[in-house]
mmCIF file of all heavy atoms, coordinates in Angstrom:
data_MODEL
# 
_entry.id   MODEL 
# 
loop_
_atom_site.group_PDB 
_atom_site.id 
_atom_site.type_symbol 
_atom_site.label_atom_id 
_atom_site.label_alt_id 
_atom_site.label_comp_id 
_atom_site.label_asym_id 
_atom_site.label_entity_id 
_atom_site.label_seq_id 
_atom_site.pdbx_PDB_ins_code 
_atom_site.Cartn_x 
_atom_site.Cartn_y 
_atom_site.Cartn_z 
_atom_site.occupancy 
_atom_site.B_iso_or_equiv 
_atom_site.pdbx_formal_charge 
_atom_site.auth_seq_id 
_atom_site.auth_comp_id 
_atom_site.auth_asym_id 
_atom_site.auth_atom_id 
_atom_site.pdbx_PDB_model_num 
ATOM 1   N N   . GLU A 1 1  ? 2.308   -4.785 0.625  1.00 0.00 ? 1  GLU A N   1 
ATOM 2   C CA  . GLU A 1 1  ? 3.722   -4.274 0.388  1.00 0.00 ? 1  GLU A CA  1 
ATOM 3   C C   . GLU A 1 1  ? 4.342   -4.933 -0.863 1.00 0.00 ? 1  GLU A C   1 
ATOM 4   O O   . GLU A 1 1  ? 4.954   -4.201 -1.602 1.00 0.00 ? 1  GLU A O   1 
ATOM 5   C CB  . GLU A 1 1  ? 4.567   -4.483 1.642  1.00 0.00 ? 1  GLU A CB  1 
ATOM 6   C CG  . GLU A 1 1  ? 4.278   -3.564 2.763  1.00 0.00 ? 1  GLU A CG  1 
ATOM 7   C CD  . GLU A 1 1  ? 5.111   -3.824 4.045  1.00 0.00 ? 1  GLU A CD  1 
ATOM 8   O OE1 . GLU A 1 1  ? 5.865   -4.854 4.176  1.00 0.00 ? 1  GLU A OE1 1 
ATOM 9   O OE2 . GLU A 1 1  ? 5.039   -2.954 4.915  1.00 0.00 ? 1  GLU A OE2 1 
ATOM 10  N N   . GLY A 1 2  ? 4.105   -6.213 -1.028 1.00 0.00 ? 2  GLY A N   1 
ATOM 11  C CA  . GLY A 1 2  ? 4.608   -6.861 -2.187 1.00 0.00 ? 2  GLY A CA  1 
ATOM 12  C C   . GLY A 1 2  ? 3.870   -6.378 -3.504 1.00 0.00 ? 2  GLY A C   1 
ATOM 13  O O   . GLY A 1 2  ? 4.535   -6.164 -4.444 1.00 0.00 ? 2  GLY A O   1 
ATOM 14  N N   . PHE A 1 3  ? 2.629   -6.286 -3.412 1.00 0.00 ? 3  PHE A N   1 
ATOM 15  C CA  . PHE A 1 3  ? 1.847   -5.881 -4.560 1.00 0.00 ? 3  PHE A CA  1 
ATOM 16  C C   . PHE A 1 3  ? 2.227   -4.478 -4.988 1.00 0.00 ? 3  PHE A C   1 
ATOM 17  O O   . PHE A 1 3  ? 2.333   -4.262 -6.210 1.00 0.00 ? 3  PHE A O   1 
ATOM 18  C CB  . PHE A 1 3  ? 0.333   -5.913 -4.221 1.00 0.00 ? 3  PHE A CB  1 
ATOM 19  C CG  . PHE A 1 3  ? -0.547  -5.634 -5.430 1.00 0.00 ? 3  PHE A CG  1 
ATOM 20  C CD1 . PHE A 1 3  ? -0.729  -6.625 -6.370 1.00 0.00 ? 3  PHE A CD1 1 
ATOM 21  C CD2 . PHE A 1 3  ? -1.156  -4.392 -5.557 1.00 0.00 ? 3  PHE A CD2 1 
ATOM 22  C CE1 . PHE A 1 3  ? -1.538  -6.347 -7.559 1.00 0.00 ? 3  PHE A CE1 1 
ATOM 23  C CE2 . PHE A 1 3  ? -1.963  -4.110 -6.683 1.00 0.00 ? 3  PHE A CE2 1 
ATOM 24  C CZ  . PHE A 1 3  ? -2.054  -5.073 -7.671 1.00 0.00 ? 3  PHE A CZ  1 
ATOM 25  N N   . TYR A 1 4  ? 2.362   -3.608 -4.062 1.00 0.00 ? 4  TYR A N   1 
ATOM 26  C CA  . TYR A 1 4  ? 2.665   -2.200 -4.391 1.00 0.00 ? 4  TYR A CA  1 
ATOM 27  C C   . TYR A 1 4  ? 4.138   -1.898 -4.266 1.00 0.00 ? 4  TYR A C   1 
ATOM 28  O O   . TYR A 1 4  ? 4.597   -0.671 -4.146 1.00 0.00 ? 4  TYR A O   1 
ATOM 29  C CB  . TYR A 1 4  ? 1.958   -1.241 -3.436 1.00 0.00 ? 4  TYR A CB  1 
ATOM 30  C CG  . TYR A 1 4  ? 0.443   -1.170 -3.822 1.00 0.00 ? 4  TYR A CG  1 
ATOM 31  C CD1 . TYR A 1 4  ? -0.566  -1.782 -3.010 1.00 0.00 ? 4  TYR A CD1 1 
ATOM 32  C CD2 . TYR A 1 4  ? 0.012   -0.540 -5.033 1.00 0.00 ? 4  TYR A CD2 1 
ATOM 33  C CE1 . TYR A 1 4  ? -1.895  -1.755 -3.363 1.00 0.00 ? 4  TYR A CE1 1 
ATOM 34  C CE2 . TYR A 1 4  ? -1.393  -0.516 -5.317 1.00 0.00 ? 4  TYR A CE2 1 
ATOM 35  C CZ  . TYR A 1 4  ? -2.263  -1.149 -4.496 1.00 0.00 ? 4  TYR A CZ  1 
ATOM 36  O OH  . TYR A 1 4  ? -3.600  -1.033 -4.877 1.00 0.00 ? 4  TYR A OH  1 
ATOM 37  N N   . ALA A 1 5  ? 5.045   -2.813 -4.360 1.00 0.00 ? 5  ALA A N   1 
ATOM 38  C CA  . ALA A 1 5  ? 6.496   -2.730 -4.182 1.00 0.00 ? 5  ALA A CA  1 
ATOM 39  C C   . ALA A 1 5  ? 7.072   -1.655 -5.137 1.00 0.00 ? 5  ALA A C   1 
ATOM 40  O O   . ALA A 1 5  ? 8.075   -0.981 -4.881 1.00 0.00 ? 5  ALA A O   1 
ATOM 41  C CB  . ALA A 1 5  ? 7.197   -4.024 -4.375 1.00 0.00 ? 5  ALA A CB  1 
ATOM 42  N N   . VAL A 1 6  ? 6.546   -1.555 -6.315 1.00 0.00 ? 6  VAL A N   1 
ATOM 43  C CA  . VAL A 1 6  ? 6.959   -0.599 -7.343 1.00 0.00 ? 6  VAL A CA  1 
ATOM 44  C C   . VAL A 1 6  ? 6.870   0.861  -6.783 1.00 0.00 ? 6  VAL A C   1 
ATOM 45  O O   . VAL A 1 6  ? 7.680   1.706  -7.190 1.00 0.00 ? 6  VAL A O   1 
ATOM 46  C CB  . VAL A 1 6  ? 6.120   -0.732 -8.574 1.00 0.00 ? 6  VAL A CB  1 
ATOM 47  C CG1 . VAL A 1 6  ? 4.713   -0.365 -8.446 1.00 0.00 ? 6  VAL A CG1 1 
ATOM 48  C CG2 . VAL A 1 6  ? 6.778   0.072  -9.750 1.00 0.00 ? 6  VAL A CG2 1 
ATOM 49  N N   . HIS A 1 7  ? 6.054   1.108  -5.787 1.00 0.00 ? 7  HIS A N   1 
ATOM 50  C CA  . HIS A 1 7  ? 5.872   2.392  -5.165 1.00 0.00 ? 7  HIS A CA  1 
ATOM 51  C C   . HIS A 1 7  ? 6.651   2.605  -3.889 1.00 0.00 ? 7  HIS A C   1 
ATOM 52  O O   . HIS A 1 7  ? 6.511   3.577  -3.229 1.00 0.00 ? 7  HIS A O   1 
ATOM 53  C CB  . HIS A 1 7  ? 4.398   2.764  -4.956 1.00 0.00 ? 7  HIS A CB  1 
ATOM 54  C CG  . HIS A 1 7  ? 3.573   2.734  -6.213 1.00 0.00 ? 7  HIS A CG  1 
ATOM 55  N ND1 . HIS A 1 7  ? 3.796   3.489  -7.266 1.00 0.00 ? 7  HIS A ND1 1 
ATOM 56  C CD2 . HIS A 1 7  ? 2.512   1.973  -6.551 1.00 0.00 ? 7  HIS A CD2 1 
ATOM 57  C CE1 . HIS A 1 7  ? 2.932   3.278  -8.233 1.00 0.00 ? 7  HIS A CE1 1 
ATOM 58  N NE2 . HIS A 1 7  ? 2.141   2.348  -7.774 1.00 0.00 ? 7  HIS A NE2 1 
ATOM 59  N N   . LYS A 1 8  ? 7.490   1.648  -3.512 1.00 0.00 ? 8  LYS A N   1 
ATOM 60  C CA  . LYS A 1 8  ? 8.124   1.523  -2.205 1.00 0.00 ? 8  LYS A CA  1 
ATOM 61  C C   . LYS A 1 8  ? 8.841   2.864  -1.879 1.00 0.00 ? 8  LYS A C   1 
ATOM 62  O O   . LYS A 1 8  ? 8.804   3.245  -0.677 1.00 0.00 ? 8  LYS A O   1 
ATOM 63  C CB  . LYS A 1 8  ? 9.053   0.410  -2.042 1.00 0.00 ? 8  LYS A CB  1 
ATOM 64  C CG  . LYS A 1 8  ? 9.561   0.132  -0.739 1.00 0.00 ? 8  LYS A CG  1 
ATOM 65  C CD  . LYS A 1 8  ? 10.111  -1.202 -0.560 1.00 0.00 ? 8  LYS A CD  1 
ATOM 66  C CE  . LYS A 1 8  ? 10.574  -1.573 0.825  1.00 0.00 ? 8  LYS A CE  1 
ATOM 67  N NZ  . LYS A 1 8  ? 9.450   -1.781 1.794  1.00 0.00 ? 8  LYS A NZ  1 
ATOM 68  N N   . GLU A 1 9  ? 9.481   3.552  -2.767 1.00 0.00 ? 9  GLU A N   1 
ATOM 69  C CA  . GLU A 1 9  ? 10.260  4.710  -2.515 1.00 0.00 ? 9  GLU A CA  1 
ATOM 70  C C   . GLU A 1 9  ? 9.437   5.977  -2.558 1.00 0.00 ? 9  GLU A C   1 
ATOM 71  O O   . GLU A 1 9  ? 9.961   7.019  -2.291 1.00 0.00 ? 9  GLU A O   1 
ATOM 72  C CB  . GLU A 1 9  ? 11.458  4.837  -3.485 1.00 0.00 ? 9  GLU A CB  1 
ATOM 73  C CG  . GLU A 1 9  ? 12.404  3.603  -3.445 1.00 0.00 ? 9  GLU A CG  1 
ATOM 74  C CD  . GLU A 1 9  ? 12.921  3.312  -2.048 1.00 0.00 ? 9  GLU A CD  1 
ATOM 75  O OE1 . GLU A 1 9  ? 13.315  4.291  -1.330 1.00 0.00 ? 9  GLU A OE1 1 
ATOM 76  O OE2 . GLU A 1 9  ? 13.028  2.186  -1.629 1.00 0.00 ? 9  GLU A OE2 1 
ATOM 77  N N   . ARG A 1 10 ? 8.195   5.852  -2.953 1.00 0.00 ? 10 ARG A N   1 
ATOM 78  C CA  . ARG A 1 10 ? 7.330   7.047  -3.038 1.00 0.00 ? 10 ARG A CA  1 
ATOM 79  C C   . ARG A 1 10 ? 6.813   7.489  -1.665 1.00 0.00 ? 10 ARG A C   1 
ATOM 80  O O   . ARG A 1 10 ? 6.549   6.590  -0.887 1.00 0.00 ? 10 ARG A O   1 
ATOM 81  C CB  . ARG A 1 10 ? 6.211   6.745  -4.040 1.00 0.00 ? 10 ARG A CB  1 
ATOM 82  C CG  . ARG A 1 10 ? 6.732   6.486  -5.401 1.00 0.00 ? 10 ARG A CG  1 
ATOM 83  C CD  . ARG A 1 10 ? 5.714   6.633  -6.319 1.00 0.00 ? 10 ARG A CD  1 
ATOM 84  N NE  . ARG A 1 10 ? 6.037   7.402  -7.507 1.00 0.00 ? 10 ARG A NE  1 
ATOM 85  C CZ  . ARG A 1 10 ? 5.376   7.242  -8.665 1.00 0.00 ? 10 ARG A CZ  1 
ATOM 86  N NH1 . ARG A 1 10 ? 4.423   6.463  -8.778 1.00 0.00 ? 10 ARG A NH1 1 
ATOM 87  N NH2 . ARG A 1 10 ? 5.862   8.039  -9.696 1.00 0.00 ? 10 ARG A NH2 1 
ATOM 88  N N   . PRO A 1 11 ? 6.583   8.745  -1.506 1.00 0.00 ? 11 PRO A N   1 
ATOM 89  C CA  . PRO A 1 11 ? 6.083   9.239  -0.172 1.00 0.00 ? 11 PRO A CA  1 
ATOM 90  C C   . PRO A 1 11 ? 4.785   8.690  0.227  1.00 0.00 ? 11 PRO A C   1 
ATOM 91  O O   . PRO A 1 11 ? 4.509   8.602  1.450  1.00 0.00 ? 11 PRO A O   1 
ATOM 92  C CB  . PRO A 1 11 ? 6.039   10.743 -0.329 1.00 0.00 ? 11 PRO A CB  1 
ATOM 93  C CG  . PRO A 1 11 ? 6.082   11.022 -1.784 1.00 0.00 ? 11 PRO A CG  1 
ATOM 94  C CD  . PRO A 1 11 ? 6.742   9.766  -2.417 1.00 0.00 ? 11 PRO A CD  1 
ATOM 95  N N   . PHE A 1 12 ? 3.935   8.251  -0.661 1.00 0.00 ? 12 PHE A N   1 
ATOM 96  C CA  . PHE A 1 12 ? 2.589   7.736  -0.306 1.00 0.00 ? 12 PHE A CA  1 
ATOM 97  C C   . PHE A 1 12 ? 2.510   6.278  -0.082 1.00 0.00 ? 12 PHE A C   1 
ATOM 98  O O   . PHE A 1 12 ? 1.444   5.797  0.318  1.00 0.00 ? 12 PHE A O   1 
ATOM 99  C CB  . PHE A 1 12 ? 1.518   8.176  -1.445 1.00 0.00 ? 12 PHE A CB  1 
ATOM 100 C CG  . PHE A 1 12 ? 1.812   7.549  -2.773 1.00 0.00 ? 12 PHE A CG  1 
ATOM 101 C CD1 . PHE A 1 12 ? 1.559   6.190  -3.049 1.00 0.00 ? 12 PHE A CD1 1 
ATOM 102 C CD2 . PHE A 1 12 ? 2.491   8.205  -3.681 1.00 0.00 ? 12 PHE A CD2 1 
ATOM 103 C CE1 . PHE A 1 12 ? 1.825   5.655  -4.288 1.00 0.00 ? 12 PHE A CE1 1 
ATOM 104 C CE2 . PHE A 1 12 ? 2.801   7.775  -4.934 1.00 0.00 ? 12 PHE A CE2 1 
ATOM 105 C CZ  . PHE A 1 12 ? 2.507   6.413  -5.218 1.00 0.00 ? 12 PHE A CZ  1 
ATOM 106 N N   . PHE A 1 13 ? 3.650   5.567  -0.108 1.00 0.00 ? 13 PHE A N   1 
ATOM 107 C CA  . PHE A 1 13 ? 3.607   4.110  0.023  1.00 0.00 ? 13 PHE A CA  1 
ATOM 108 C C   . PHE A 1 13 ? 3.081   3.680  1.370  1.00 0.00 ? 13 PHE A C   1 
ATOM 109 O O   . PHE A 1 13 ? 2.192   2.727  1.357  1.00 0.00 ? 13 PHE A O   1 
ATOM 110 C CB  . PHE A 1 13 ? 5.054   3.562  -0.223 1.00 0.00 ? 13 PHE A CB  1 
ATOM 111 C CG  . PHE A 1 13 ? 5.162   2.075  0.029  1.00 0.00 ? 13 PHE A CG  1 
ATOM 112 C CD1 . PHE A 1 13 ? 4.679   1.191  -1.001 1.00 0.00 ? 13 PHE A CD1 1 
ATOM 113 C CD2 . PHE A 1 13 ? 5.690   1.488  1.110  1.00 0.00 ? 13 PHE A CD2 1 
ATOM 114 C CE1 . PHE A 1 13 ? 4.855   -0.181 -0.905 1.00 0.00 ? 13 PHE A CE1 1 
ATOM 115 C CE2 . PHE A 1 13 ? 5.861   0.131  1.248  1.00 0.00 ? 13 PHE A CE2 1 
ATOM 116 C CZ  . PHE A 1 13 ? 5.327   -0.726 0.259  1.00 0.00 ? 13 PHE A CZ  1 
ATOM 117 N N   . GLY A 1 14 ? 3.436   4.192  2.375  1.00 0.00 ? 14 GLY A N   1 
ATOM 118 C CA  . GLY A 1 14 ? 3.011   3.786  3.703  1.00 0.00 ? 14 GLY A CA  1 
ATOM 119 C C   . GLY A 1 14 ? 1.493   3.943  3.866  1.00 0.00 ? 14 GLY A C   1 
ATOM 120 O O   . GLY A 1 14 ? 0.830   3.092  4.374  1.00 0.00 ? 14 GLY A O   1 
ATOM 121 N N   . GLU A 1 15 ? 1.050   5.107  3.501  1.00 0.00 ? 15 GLU A N   1 
ATOM 122 C CA  . GLU A 1 15 ? -0.398  5.435  3.583  1.00 0.00 ? 15 GLU A CA  1 
ATOM 123 C C   . GLU A 1 15 ? -1.166  4.437  2.666  1.00 0.00 ? 15 GLU A C   1 
ATOM 124 O O   . GLU A 1 15 ? -2.255  3.981  3.035  1.00 0.00 ? 15 GLU A O   1 
ATOM 125 C CB  . GLU A 1 15 ? -0.697  6.861  3.117  1.00 0.00 ? 15 GLU A CB  1 
ATOM 126 C CG  . GLU A 1 15 ? -2.089  7.209  3.218  1.00 0.00 ? 15 GLU A CG  1 
ATOM 127 C CD  . GLU A 1 15 ? -2.309  8.682  2.814  1.00 0.00 ? 15 GLU A CD  1 
ATOM 128 O OE1 . GLU A 1 15 ? -1.404  9.493  2.615  1.00 0.00 ? 15 GLU A OE1 1 
ATOM 129 O OE2 . GLU A 1 15 ? -3.501  9.045  2.580  1.00 0.00 ? 15 GLU A OE2 1 
ATOM 130 N N   . LEU A 1 16 ? -0.668  4.146  1.466  1.00 0.00 ? 16 LEU A N   1 
ATOM 131 C CA  . LEU A 1 16 ? -1.343  3.238  0.499  1.00 0.00 ? 16 LEU A CA  1 
ATOM 132 C C   . LEU A 1 16 ? -1.433  1.850  1.190  1.00 0.00 ? 16 LEU A C   1 
ATOM 133 O O   . LEU A 1 16 ? -2.510  1.194  1.127  1.00 0.00 ? 16 LEU A O   1 
ATOM 134 C CB  . LEU A 1 16 ? -0.526  3.183  -0.785 1.00 0.00 ? 16 LEU A CB  1 
ATOM 135 C CG  . LEU A 1 16 ? -1.047  2.174  -1.850 1.00 0.00 ? 16 LEU A CG  1 
ATOM 136 C CD1 . LEU A 1 16 ? -2.455  2.459  -2.268 1.00 0.00 ? 16 LEU A CD1 1 
ATOM 137 C CD2 . LEU A 1 16 ? -0.073  2.157  -3.035 1.00 0.00 ? 16 LEU A CD2 1 
ATOM 138 N N   . VAL A 1 17 ? -0.374  1.384  1.708  1.00 0.00 ? 17 VAL A N   1 
ATOM 139 C CA  . VAL A 1 17 ? -0.399  0.054  2.339  1.00 0.00 ? 17 VAL A CA  1 
ATOM 140 C C   . VAL A 1 17 ? -1.415  0.102  3.515  1.00 0.00 ? 17 VAL A C   1 
ATOM 141 O O   . VAL A 1 17 ? -2.192  -0.871 3.563  1.00 0.00 ? 17 VAL A O   1 
ATOM 142 C CB  . VAL A 1 17 ? 0.995   -0.354 2.829  1.00 0.00 ? 17 VAL A CB  1 
ATOM 143 C CG1 . VAL A 1 17 ? 0.962   -1.617 3.726  1.00 0.00 ? 17 VAL A CG1 1 
ATOM 144 C CG2 . VAL A 1 17 ? 1.928   -0.626 1.589  1.00 0.00 ? 17 VAL A CG2 1 
ATOM 145 N N   . GLU A 1 18 ? -1.390  1.062  4.320  1.00 0.00 ? 18 GLU A N   1 
ATOM 146 C CA  . GLU A 1 18 ? -2.421  1.109  5.418  1.00 0.00 ? 18 GLU A CA  1 
ATOM 147 C C   . GLU A 1 18 ? -3.783  1.127  4.970  1.00 0.00 ? 18 GLU A C   1 
ATOM 148 O O   . GLU A 1 18 ? -4.653  0.401  5.489  1.00 0.00 ? 18 GLU A O   1 
ATOM 149 C CB  . GLU A 1 18 ? -2.133  2.416  6.336  1.00 0.00 ? 18 GLU A CB  1 
ATOM 150 C CG  . GLU A 1 18 ? -0.828  2.290  7.072  1.00 0.00 ? 18 GLU A CG  1 
ATOM 151 C CD  . GLU A 1 18 ? -0.598  1.066  7.968  1.00 0.00 ? 18 GLU A CD  1 
ATOM 152 O OE1 . GLU A 1 18 ? -1.692  0.734  8.673  1.00 0.00 ? 18 GLU A OE1 1 
ATOM 153 O OE2 . GLU A 1 18 ? 0.445   0.536  8.141  1.00 0.00 ? 18 GLU A OE2 1 
ATOM 154 N N   . GLN A 1 19 ? -4.070  1.886  3.944  1.00 0.00 ? 19 GLN A N   1 
ATOM 155 C CA  . GLN A 1 19 ? -5.435  1.904  3.380  1.00 0.00 ? 19 GLN A CA  1 
ATOM 156 C C   . GLN A 1 19 ? -5.843  0.430  2.850  1.00 0.00 ? 19 GLN A C   1 
ATOM 157 O O   . GLN A 1 19 ? -6.998  0.050  3.065  1.00 0.00 ? 19 GLN A O   1 
ATOM 158 C CB  . GLN A 1 19 ? -5.566  2.851  2.188  1.00 0.00 ? 19 GLN A CB  1 
ATOM 159 C CG  . GLN A 1 19 ? -5.548  4.333  2.703  1.00 0.00 ? 19 GLN A CG  1 
ATOM 160 C CD  . GLN A 1 19 ? -5.531  5.329  1.518  1.00 0.00 ? 19 GLN A CD  1 
ATOM 161 O OE1 . GLN A 1 19 ? -5.283  4.919  0.370  1.00 0.00 ? 19 GLN A OE1 1 
ATOM 162 N NE2 . GLN A 1 19 ? -5.724  6.585  1.801  1.00 0.00 ? 19 GLN A NE2 1 
ATOM 163 N N   . MET A 1 20 ? -4.967  -0.200 2.154  1.00 0.00 ? 20 MET A N   1 
ATOM 164 C CA  . MET A 1 20 ? -5.278  -1.431 1.512  1.00 0.00 ? 20 MET A CA  1 
ATOM 165 C C   . MET A 1 20 ? -5.408  -2.600 2.504  1.00 0.00 ? 20 MET A C   1 
ATOM 166 O O   . MET A 1 20 ? -6.101  -3.603 2.225  1.00 0.00 ? 20 MET A O   1 
ATOM 167 C CB  . MET A 1 20 ? -4.202  -1.780 0.477  1.00 0.00 ? 20 MET A CB  1 
ATOM 168 C CG  . MET A 1 20 ? -4.248  -0.791 -0.651 1.00 0.00 ? 20 MET A CG  1 
ATOM 169 S SD  . MET A 1 20 ? -5.807  -0.634 -1.538 1.00 0.00 ? 20 MET A SD  1 
ATOM 170 C CE  . MET A 1 20 ? -5.983  -2.219 -2.292 1.00 0.00 ? 20 MET A CE  1 
ATOM 171 N N   . ILE A 1 21 ? -4.868  -2.481 3.707  1.00 0.00 ? 21 ILE A N   1 
ATOM 172 C CA  . ILE A 1 21 ? -5.049  -3.536 4.735  1.00 0.00 ? 21 ILE A CA  1 
ATOM 173 C C   . ILE A 1 21 ? -6.054  -3.170 5.796  1.00 0.00 ? 21 ILE A C   1 
ATOM 174 O O   . ILE A 1 21 ? -6.333  -4.008 6.610  1.00 0.00 ? 21 ILE A O   1 
ATOM 175 C CB  . ILE A 1 21 ? -3.685  -3.858 5.360  1.00 0.00 ? 21 ILE A CB  1 
ATOM 176 C CG1 . ILE A 1 21 ? -3.098  -2.744 6.254  1.00 0.00 ? 21 ILE A CG1 1 
ATOM 177 C CG2 . ILE A 1 21 ? -2.632  -4.341 4.323  1.00 0.00 ? 21 ILE A CG2 1 
ATOM 178 C CD1 . ILE A 1 21 ? -1.887  -3.032 7.012  1.00 0.00 ? 21 ILE A CD1 1 
ATOM 179 N N   . ALA A 1 22 ? -6.637  -2.019 5.709  1.00 0.00 ? 22 ALA A N   1 
ATOM 180 C CA  . ALA A 1 22 ? -7.598  -1.585 6.735  1.00 0.00 ? 22 ALA A CA  1 
ATOM 181 C C   . ALA A 1 22 ? -8.872  -2.419 6.739  1.00 0.00 ? 22 ALA A C   1 
ATOM 182 O O   . ALA A 1 22 ? -9.399  -2.619 7.828  1.00 0.00 ? 22 ALA A O   1 
ATOM 183 C CB  . ALA A 1 22 ? -7.931  -0.087 6.496  1.00 0.00 ? 22 ALA A CB  1 
ATOM 184 N N   . SER A 1 23 ? -9.284  -2.911 5.621  1.00 0.00 ? 23 SER A N   1 
ATOM 185 C CA  . SER A 1 23 ? -10.510 -3.696 5.630  1.00 0.00 ? 23 SER A CA  1 
ATOM 186 C C   . SER A 1 23 ? -10.503 -4.541 4.257  1.00 0.00 ? 23 SER A C   1 
ATOM 187 O O   . SER A 1 23 ? -9.600  -4.259 3.482  1.00 0.00 ? 23 SER A O   1 
ATOM 188 C CB  . SER A 1 23 ? -11.762 -2.895 5.754  1.00 0.00 ? 23 SER A CB  1 
ATOM 189 O OG  . SER A 1 23 ? -11.860 -1.859 4.769  1.00 0.00 ? 23 SER A OG  1 
ATOM 190 N N   . PRO A 1 24 ? -11.382 -5.424 4.062  1.00 0.00 ? 24 PRO A N   1 
ATOM 191 C CA  . PRO A 1 24 ? -11.409 -6.269 2.875  1.00 0.00 ? 24 PRO A CA  1 
ATOM 192 C C   . PRO A 1 24 ? -11.442 -5.507 1.537  1.00 0.00 ? 24 PRO A C   1 
ATOM 193 O O   . PRO A 1 24 ? -11.896 -4.363 1.495  1.00 0.00 ? 24 PRO A O   1 
ATOM 194 C CB  . PRO A 1 24 ? -12.630 -7.194 3.011  1.00 0.00 ? 24 PRO A CB  1 
ATOM 195 C CG  . PRO A 1 24 ? -12.832 -7.215 4.517  1.00 0.00 ? 24 PRO A CG  1 
ATOM 196 C CD  . PRO A 1 24 ? -12.458 -5.833 4.962  1.00 0.00 ? 24 PRO A CD  1 
ATOM 197 N N   . VAL A 1 25 ? -10.951 -6.192 0.513  1.00 0.00 ? 25 VAL A N   1 
ATOM 198 C CA  . VAL A 1 25 ? -10.975 -5.749 -0.853 1.00 0.00 ? 25 VAL A CA  1 
ATOM 199 C C   . VAL A 1 25 ? -11.585 -6.767 -1.714 1.00 0.00 ? 25 VAL A C   1 
ATOM 200 O O   . VAL A 1 25 ? -11.692 -7.956 -1.234 1.00 0.00 ? 25 VAL A O   1 
ATOM 201 C CB  . VAL A 1 25 ? -9.550  -5.355 -1.381 1.00 0.00 ? 25 VAL A CB  1 
ATOM 202 C CG1 . VAL A 1 25 ? -8.950  -4.320 -0.592 1.00 0.00 ? 25 VAL A CG1 1 
ATOM 203 C CG2 . VAL A 1 25 ? -8.702  -6.627 -1.436 1.00 0.00 ? 25 VAL A CG2 1 
ATOM 204 N N   . VAL A 1 26 ? -11.931 -6.492 -2.946 1.00 0.00 ? 26 VAL A N   1 
ATOM 205 C CA  . VAL A 1 26 ? -12.359 -7.472 -3.901 1.00 0.00 ? 26 VAL A CA  1 
ATOM 206 C C   . VAL A 1 26 ? -11.357 -7.445 -5.011 1.00 0.00 ? 26 VAL A C   1 
ATOM 207 O O   . VAL A 1 26 ? -11.124 -6.444 -5.625 1.00 0.00 ? 26 VAL A O   1 
ATOM 208 C CB  . VAL A 1 26 ? -13.835 -7.198 -4.439 1.00 0.00 ? 26 VAL A CB  1 
ATOM 209 C CG1 . VAL A 1 26 ? -14.133 -8.140 -5.692 1.00 0.00 ? 26 VAL A CG1 1 
ATOM 210 C CG2 . VAL A 1 26 ? -14.889 -7.368 -3.355 1.00 0.00 ? 26 VAL A CG2 1 
# 
């Protein structure tokens, strides 16, 4: 949520956060 805060008001924000926390990233 902090990293993508710039997109907080956009309709895809919640889905983006869910995707990014679903499993590990590099």
